[in-house]
Protein backbone atom coordinates (compact mmCIF):
# COMPACT_ATOMS: atom_id res chain seq x y z
CA GLN A 1 -53.02 21.60 -1.20
CA ASN A 2 -53.56 24.10 -3.96
CA THR A 3 -56.46 22.88 -6.13
CA GLY A 4 -58.03 24.37 -9.21
CA VAL A 5 -61.11 23.11 -11.03
CA TYR A 6 -61.81 24.24 -14.54
CA THR A 7 -64.98 23.40 -16.47
CA THR A 8 -66.61 24.50 -19.74
CA GLN A 9 -69.57 25.88 -17.80
CA ASN A 10 -69.25 27.91 -14.65
CA SER A 11 -72.52 26.69 -13.17
CA PRO A 12 -73.99 23.67 -14.85
CA SER A 13 -77.71 23.30 -14.66
CA LEU A 14 -79.73 20.17 -14.40
CA SER A 15 -81.16 20.70 -17.85
CA SER A 16 -77.74 20.97 -19.42
CA LEU A 17 -76.64 17.71 -17.89
CA VAL A 18 -79.78 15.95 -19.13
CA GLY A 19 -80.13 17.69 -22.50
CA GLU A 20 -77.79 17.80 -25.41
CA GLN A 21 -75.20 19.94 -23.78
CA TYR A 22 -72.43 18.15 -21.90
CA GLY A 23 -69.92 19.60 -19.44
CA VAL A 24 -66.26 18.68 -19.21
CA GLY A 25 -64.21 19.18 -16.06
CA LEU A 26 -60.51 19.05 -15.23
CA SER A 27 -59.04 19.02 -11.76
CA LEU A 28 -55.32 19.79 -11.10
CA THR A 29 -53.66 19.56 -7.73
CA GLN A 30 -50.16 20.49 -6.64
CA PRO A 31 -48.82 20.27 -3.11
CA LEU A 32 -47.39 23.51 -1.79
CA TYR A 33 -44.95 21.58 0.50
CA ALA A 34 -43.35 18.35 -0.61
CA GLY A 35 -43.18 16.96 2.92
CA GLY A 36 -39.35 17.02 3.16
CA GLY A 37 -38.73 15.45 -0.26
CA LEU A 38 -36.51 18.32 -1.33
CA VAL A 39 -34.52 18.19 1.93
CA ALA A 40 -34.26 14.41 1.66
CA GLY A 41 -32.88 14.77 -1.89
CA ILE A 42 -30.25 17.26 -0.73
CA ASP A 43 -29.31 14.99 2.20
CA PHE A 44 -29.04 12.05 -0.21
CA TYR A 45 -26.74 14.05 -2.47
CA LYS A 46 -24.58 15.13 0.47
CA SER A 47 -24.25 11.58 1.80
CA GLY A 48 -23.32 10.38 -1.69
CA GLU A 49 -20.73 13.11 -1.96
CA GLU A 50 -19.29 12.16 1.45
CA ILE A 51 -19.11 8.49 0.43
CA ALA A 52 -17.28 9.52 -2.76
CA ARG A 53 -14.79 11.63 -0.74
CA GLN A 54 -14.13 8.73 1.64
CA GLY A 55 -13.63 6.39 -1.31
CA TYR A 56 -11.12 8.83 -2.84
CA PHE A 57 -9.31 9.11 0.50
CA MET A 58 -9.17 5.31 0.83
CA GLU A 59 -7.81 5.01 -2.72
CA LYS A 60 -5.05 7.52 -1.90
CA LEU A 61 -4.16 5.53 1.23
CA LEU A 62 -4.11 2.30 -0.78
CA ILE A 63 -1.77 3.82 -3.37
CA ALA A 64 0.50 5.27 -0.66
CA GLY A 65 0.61 1.88 1.04
CA ASN A 66 1.46 0.17 -2.23
CA ILE A 67 4.26 2.65 -2.91
CA ILE A 68 5.73 2.12 0.56
CA THR A 69 5.45 -1.66 0.22
CA ALA A 70 7.05 -1.56 -3.25
CA TYR A 71 9.88 0.68 -1.99
CA PHE A 72 10.78 -1.58 0.91
CA GLY A 73 10.38 -4.61 -1.36
CA LEU A 74 13.02 -3.01 -3.62
CA ALA A 75 15.24 -2.27 -0.62
CA GLN A 76 14.93 -5.88 0.56
CA SER A 77 15.68 -7.22 -2.90
CA GLU A 78 18.77 -5.03 -3.18
CA GLU A 79 20.01 -6.25 0.23
CA LEU A 80 19.44 -9.86 -0.77
CA LEU A 81 21.32 -9.29 -4.03
CA ASP A 82 24.27 -7.75 -2.13
CA ALA A 83 24.31 -10.71 0.25
CA ALA A 84 24.16 -13.15 -2.67
CA ILE A 85 27.07 -11.40 -4.40
CA GLN A 86 29.16 -11.51 -1.22
CA ASN A 87 28.26 -15.16 -0.74
CA LYS A 88 29.23 -15.95 -4.33
CA GLN A 89 32.59 -14.22 -3.87
CA LEU A 90 33.22 -16.11 -0.62
CA LEU A 91 32.32 -19.46 -2.18
CA LYS A 92 34.50 -18.70 -5.21
CA ALA A 93 37.42 -18.03 -2.90
CA TYR A 94 36.68 -21.28 -1.00
CA TYR A 95 36.53 -23.15 -4.35
CA ASP A 96 39.90 -21.71 -5.36
CA VAL A 97 41.46 -22.73 -2.03
CA THR A 98 39.96 -26.22 -2.31
CA VAL A 99 41.38 -26.60 -5.85
CA GLN A 100 44.84 -25.61 -4.58
CA TYR A 101 44.55 -28.02 -1.60
CA GLU A 102 43.41 -30.80 -3.91
CA LYS A 103 46.48 -30.25 -6.10
CA ILE A 104 48.85 -30.60 -3.15
CA GLY A 105 46.93 -33.48 -1.62
CA ARG A 106 45.40 -31.72 1.44
CA SER A 107 41.80 -32.23 0.23
CA ARG A 108 39.95 -34.80 -1.78
CA GLU A 109 38.29 -34.60 -5.16
CA MET A 110 34.92 -34.76 -3.36
CA ASP A 111 35.70 -31.52 -1.44
CA LYS A 112 36.53 -29.76 -4.70
CA LEU A 113 33.28 -31.00 -6.28
CA GLN A 114 31.25 -29.88 -3.26
CA ALA A 115 32.91 -26.42 -3.36
CA GLN A 116 32.13 -26.20 -7.07
CA VAL A 117 28.46 -27.10 -6.49
CA ASN A 118 28.20 -24.52 -3.70
CA HIS A 119 29.70 -21.85 -5.95
CA SER A 120 27.27 -22.78 -8.77
CA VAL A 121 24.31 -22.49 -6.38
CA ALA A 122 25.60 -19.09 -5.30
CA ILE A 123 25.73 -17.96 -8.95
CA THR A 124 22.09 -19.01 -9.42
CA ASP A 125 21.18 -17.13 -6.20
CA VAL A 126 22.75 -13.99 -7.66
CA MET A 127 20.80 -14.46 -10.90
CA ASN A 128 17.52 -15.04 -9.01
CA ASN A 129 18.06 -12.02 -6.81
CA THR A 130 18.91 -9.89 -9.87
CA VAL A 131 15.53 -10.84 -11.31
CA LEU A 132 13.87 -9.97 -7.95
CA VAL A 133 15.52 -6.51 -7.99
CA THR A 134 14.37 -5.93 -11.57
CA THR A 135 10.82 -7.02 -10.69
CA ALA A 136 10.70 -4.88 -7.53
CA ASN A 137 12.07 -1.91 -9.48
CA SER A 138 9.42 -2.33 -12.16
CA ASN A 139 6.71 -2.67 -9.49
CA LEU A 140 7.79 0.58 -7.81
CA ASN A 141 7.95 2.36 -11.17
CA LYS A 142 4.40 1.21 -11.91
CA TYR A 143 3.11 2.88 -8.76
CA LEU A 144 5.17 6.02 -9.33
CA GLY A 145 4.05 6.30 -12.96
CA LEU A 146 7.54 5.96 -14.33
CA PRO A 147 8.76 3.76 -17.21
CA SER A 148 9.33 0.24 -15.96
CA SER A 149 12.92 0.17 -17.21
CA GLN A 150 13.99 3.29 -15.30
CA PRO A 151 16.38 2.15 -12.52
CA ILE A 152 15.71 3.27 -8.95
CA LYS A 153 18.19 2.78 -6.13
CA ALA A 154 16.55 2.52 -2.74
CA ASP A 155 18.38 4.78 -0.31
CA TYR A 156 17.41 3.29 3.02
CA LYS A 157 20.64 3.32 4.96
CA VAL A 158 20.32 4.71 8.49
CA VAL A 159 23.37 6.38 9.99
CA ILE A 160 23.51 6.53 13.78
CA SER A 161 25.95 9.01 15.22
CA PRO A 162 27.27 8.18 18.68
CA ILE A 163 26.64 10.74 21.40
CA GLY A 164 30.14 10.40 22.76
CA ASP A 165 32.76 7.93 23.78
CA LEU A 166 31.46 5.73 26.59
CA SER A 167 33.18 2.89 28.33
CA SER A 168 31.07 -0.17 29.04
CA ASP A 169 31.04 0.72 32.80
CA GLN A 170 29.69 4.20 32.00
CA ALA A 171 27.07 2.79 29.65
CA PHE A 172 26.02 0.25 32.30
CA ASP A 173 25.76 2.96 35.03
CA THR A 174 23.71 5.19 32.71
CA ALA A 175 21.38 2.31 31.86
CA ILE A 176 20.80 1.56 35.53
CA LYS A 177 20.10 5.25 36.33
CA ASN A 178 17.59 5.65 33.50
CA ASN A 179 15.77 2.31 33.71
CA PRO A 180 13.34 1.87 36.62
CA THR A 181 13.22 -1.91 36.21
CA LEU A 182 16.97 -2.20 36.61
CA LYS A 183 16.88 0.16 39.64
CA GLN A 184 14.29 -2.06 41.24
CA GLN A 185 16.39 -5.21 40.62
CA GLU A 186 19.45 -3.44 42.02
CA ILE A 187 17.59 -2.73 45.29
CA THR A 188 16.42 -6.33 45.79
């Protein structure tokens, strides 16, 4: 430790302490080495900085995951809407056929009513799936920072090009040659 003592008198005498003169002293100390406090402070700062970097990285992963989930949610909603539209068209055609058959006496009034109910349910499915597409689109736009009304079409179609024309016998022979499990079963 570095210590300094300062007094009003350099060498007080016994008479000055007893008499009318008084001495005042001040002692100041300052450690020359803080015992690792400075290093500990730097380490604390570095660990805090690393925690902040990891939190930022986790936030980026969370946002990327949300965008991917929202994109495939939109793709699923679009597929469901397409299926509902096709179903509605099919049930409309069935209703039209049932109406014609009812007119010529090949079906009953009950069949026509059932076909009409099925077509009505298909129409509500189309409406519900339209709402789902709009909601999924808005959700994806939220994560992308776009206006919620901006339409996005999910382009998720996968096209597989065939390697060549194979007969079923050739495909089977190739599968046996390339699959050890099938080779083993062929031997036994």
